[in-house]
C-alpha atoms as a PDB file:
ATOM      1  CA  UNK A   1       0.000   0.000   0.000  1.00  0.00           C
ATOM      2  CA  UNK A   2       2.838   2.410   0.783  1.00  0.00           C
ATOM      3  CA  UNK A   3       4.460   1.877  -2.630  1.00  0.00           C
ATOM      4  CA  UNK A   4       1.143   2.566  -4.365  1.00  0.00           C
ATOM      5  CA  UNK A   5       0.743   5.806  -2.396  1.00  0.00           C
ATOM      6  CA  UNK A   6       4.329   6.823  -3.156  1.00  0.00           C
ATOM      7  CA  UNK A   7       3.843   6.192  -6.862  1.00  0.00           C
ATOM      8  CA  UNK A   8       0.589   8.150  -6.902  1.00  0.00           C
ATOM      9  CA  UNK A   9       2.160  11.014  -4.963  1.00  0.00           C
ATOM     10  CA  UNK A  10       5.176  11.105  -7.276  1.00  0.00           C
ATOM     11  CA  UNK A  11       2.918  11.027 -10.345  1.00  0.00           C
ATOM     12  CA  UNK A  12       0.821  13.911  -9.001  1.00  0.00           C
ATOM     13  CA  UNK A  13       3.964  15.822  -8.144  1.00  0.00           C
ATOM     14  CA  UNK A  14       5.255  15.363 -11.690  1.00  0.00           C
ATOM     15  CA  UNK A  15       1.956  16.401 -13.261  1.00  0.00           C
ATOM     16  CA  UNK A  16       1.693  19.610 -11.249  1.00  0.00           C
ATOM     17  CA  UNK A  17       5.286  20.648 -11.915  1.00  0.00           C
ATOM     18  CA  UNK A  18       4.873  20.828 -15.671  1.00  0.00           C
ATOM     19  CA  UNK A  19       5.201  24.222 -17.254  1.00  0.00           C
ATOM     20  CA  UNK A  20       4.962  26.255 -20.400  1.00  0.00           C
ATOM     21  CA  UNK A  21       7.988  27.845 -22.047  1.00  0.00           C
ATOM     22  CA  UNK A  22       7.472  31.256 -23.656  1.00  0.00           C
ATOM     23  CA  UNK A  23      10.332  33.045 -25.384  1.00  0.00           C
ATOM     24  CA  UNK A  24       9.745  36.656 -26.382  1.00  0.00           C
ATOM     25  CA  UNK A  25      11.937  37.498 -29.370  1.00  0.00           C
ATOM     26  CA  UNK A  26      10.880  41.047 -30.231  1.00  0.00           C
ATOM     27  CA  UNK A  27      10.939  42.923 -26.917  1.00  0.00           C
ATOM     28  CA  UNK A  28      12.879  45.889 -28.318  1.00  0.00           C
ATOM     29  CA  UNK A  29      10.342  46.363 -31.132  1.00  0.00           C
ATOM     30  CA  UNK A  30       7.446  46.176 -28.655  1.00  0.00           C
ATOM     31  CA  UNK A  31       9.027  48.805 -26.399  1.00  0.00           C
ATOM     32  CA  UNK A  32       9.727  50.984 -29.451  1.00  0.00           C
ATOM     33  CA  UNK A  33       6.079  50.731 -30.521  1.00  0.00           C
ATOM     34  CA  UNK A  34       4.726  51.481 -27.014  1.00  0.00           C
ATOM     35  CA  UNK A  35       7.133  54.308 -26.127  1.00  0.00           C
ATOM     36  CA  UNK A  36       9.138  56.964 -27.899  1.00  0.00           C
ATOM     37  CA  UNK A  37      11.923  55.967 -30.276  1.00  0.00           C
ATOM     38  CA  UNK A  38      14.340  58.000 -28.165  1.00  0.00           C
ATOM     39  CA  UNK A  39      13.544  56.008 -25.009  1.00  0.00           C
ATOM     40  CA  UNK A  40      13.855  52.668 -26.773  1.00  0.00           C
ATOM     41  CA  UNK A  41      17.187  53.712 -28.271  1.00  0.00           C
ATOM     42  CA  UNK A  42      18.732  54.402 -24.859  1.00  0.00           C
ATOM     43  CA  UNK A  43      17.435  51.345 -22.998  1.00  0.00           C
ATOM     44  CA  UNK A  44      19.437  48.133 -23.205  1.00  0.00           C
ATOM     45  CA  UNK A  45      17.769  45.059 -24.676  1.00  0.00           C
ATOM     46  CA  UNK A  46      17.717  43.249 -21.303  1.00  0.00           C
ATOM     47  CA  UNK A  47      15.669  46.122 -19.818  1.00  0.00           C
ATOM     48  CA  UNK A  48      13.282  45.948 -22.791  1.00  0.00           C
ATOM     49  CA  UNK A  49      12.928  42.192 -22.278  1.00  0.00           C
ATOM     50  CA  UNK A  50      12.208  42.642 -18.553  1.00  0.00           C
ATOM     51  CA  UNK A  51       9.550  45.289 -19.232  1.00  0.00           C
ATOM     52  CA  UNK A  52       7.813  43.161 -21.858  1.00  0.00           C
ATOM     53  CA  UNK A  53       8.048  39.981 -19.736  1.00  0.00           C
ATOM     54  CA  UNK A  54       6.459  41.786 -16.782  1.00  0.00           C
ATOM     55  CA  UNK A  55       3.571  43.018 -18.931  1.00  0.00           C
ATOM     56  CA  UNK A  56       3.054  39.567 -20.481  1.00  0.00           C
ATOM     57  CA  UNK A  57       3.047  37.946 -17.022  1.00  0.00           C
ATOM     58  CA  UNK A  58       0.512  40.520 -15.828  1.00  0.00           C
ATOM     59  CA  UNK A  59      -1.753  39.758 -18.816  1.00  0.00           C
ATOM     60  CA  UNK A  60      -1.430  35.987 -18.393  1.00  0.00           C
ATOM     61  CA  UNK A  61      -2.337  36.250 -14.704  1.00  0.00           C
ATOM     62  CA  UNK A  62      -5.366  38.409 -15.517  1.00  0.00           C
ATOM     63  CA  UNK A  63      -6.633  35.926 -18.131  1.00  0.00           C
ATOM     64  CA  UNK A  64      -6.036  32.822 -16.033  1.00  0.00           C
ATOM     65  CA  UNK A  65      -7.688  34.438 -13.012  1.00  0.00           C
ATOM     66  CA  UNK A  66     -10.767  35.217 -15.136  1.00  0.00           C
ATOM     67  CA  UNK A  67     -10.901  31.498 -16.029  1.00  0.00           C
ATOM     68  CA  UNK A  68     -10.737  30.566 -12.344  1.00  0.00           C
ATOM     69  CA  UNK A  69      -7.262  29.061 -12.695  1.00  0.00           C
ATOM     70  CA  UNK A  70      -4.879  29.371  -9.757  1.00  0.00           C
ATOM     71  CA  UNK A  71      -1.172  28.827  -9.960  1.00  0.00           C
ATOM     72  CA  UNK A  72       2.293  30.283 -10.023  1.00  0.00           C
ATOM     73  CA  UNK A  73       4.243  31.956 -12.807  1.00  0.00           C
ATOM     74  CA  UNK A  74       7.949  32.790 -12.851  1.00  0.00           C
ATOM     75  CA  UNK A  75      10.245  34.870 -15.020  1.00  0.00           C
ATOM     76  CA  UNK A  76      13.412  32.830 -15.421  1.00  0.00           C
ATOM     77  CA  UNK A  77      16.742  33.866 -16.959  1.00  0.00           C
ATOM     78  CA  UNK A  78      19.603  31.638 -18.023  1.00  0.00           C
ATOM     79  CA  UNK A  79      17.998  28.846 -20.005  1.00  0.00           C
ATOM     80  CA  UNK A  80      16.672  28.109 -23.450  1.00  0.00           C
ATOM     81  CA  UNK A  81      15.058  25.277 -25.358  1.00  0.00           C
ATOM     82  CA  UNK A  82      16.894  23.967 -28.433  1.00  0.00           C
ATOM     83  CA  UNK A  83      15.651  20.946 -30.361  1.00  0.00           C
ATOM     84  CA  UNK A  84      13.367  19.932 -27.467  1.00  0.00           C
ATOM     85  CA  UNK A  85      16.296  20.023 -25.028  1.00  0.00           C
ATOM     86  CA  UNK A  86      16.425  22.295 -21.976  1.00  0.00           C
ATOM     87  CA  UNK A  87      19.786  24.062 -21.790  1.00  0.00           C
ATOM     88  CA  UNK A  88      20.772  25.997 -18.669  1.00  0.00           C
ATOM     89  CA  UNK A  89      23.653  28.411 -18.196  1.00  0.00           C
ATOM     90  CA  UNK A  90      25.681  29.407 -15.156  1.00  0.00           C
ATOM     91  CA  UNK A  91      23.549  32.535 -14.885  1.00  0.00           C
ATOM     92  CA  UNK A  92      20.320  30.541 -14.311  1.00  0.00           C
ATOM     93  CA  UNK A  93      18.134  32.600 -11.979  1.00  0.00           C
ATOM     94  CA  UNK A  94      14.449  32.972 -11.163  1.00  0.00           C
ATOM     95  CA  UNK A  95      13.956  36.709 -11.540  1.00  0.00           C
ATOM     96  CA  UNK A  96      10.403  36.955 -10.293  1.00  0.00           C
ATOM     97  CA  UNK A  97       7.599  34.663  -9.149  1.00  0.00           C
ATOM     98  CA  UNK A  98       3.928  35.573  -8.866  1.00  0.00           C
ATOM     99  CA  UNK A  99       1.290  33.398  -7.199  1.00  0.00           C
ATOM    100  CA  UNK A 100      -2.272  33.938  -8.388  1.00  0.00           C
END
């Protein structure tokens, strides 16, 4: 009985730890479109990416909350997906986590 419980618990744990990968590739263009050209020219790309990620996270939380979905969303730096493989770097860091 204990093994069956352990297997079920581990399966549930695995199921609820799945995630969705979203890579934003045009953050500079989005910032340029939403602000002045001058401002977008002086901000580094990593700042543009952070601003766009924060707005996307805010929108995702709003939509999921409207659907009655509860969960957690994180902005993570230092990894990418190539050919269905997760690749991490030494700079892997969770920048921000929101629980909704």
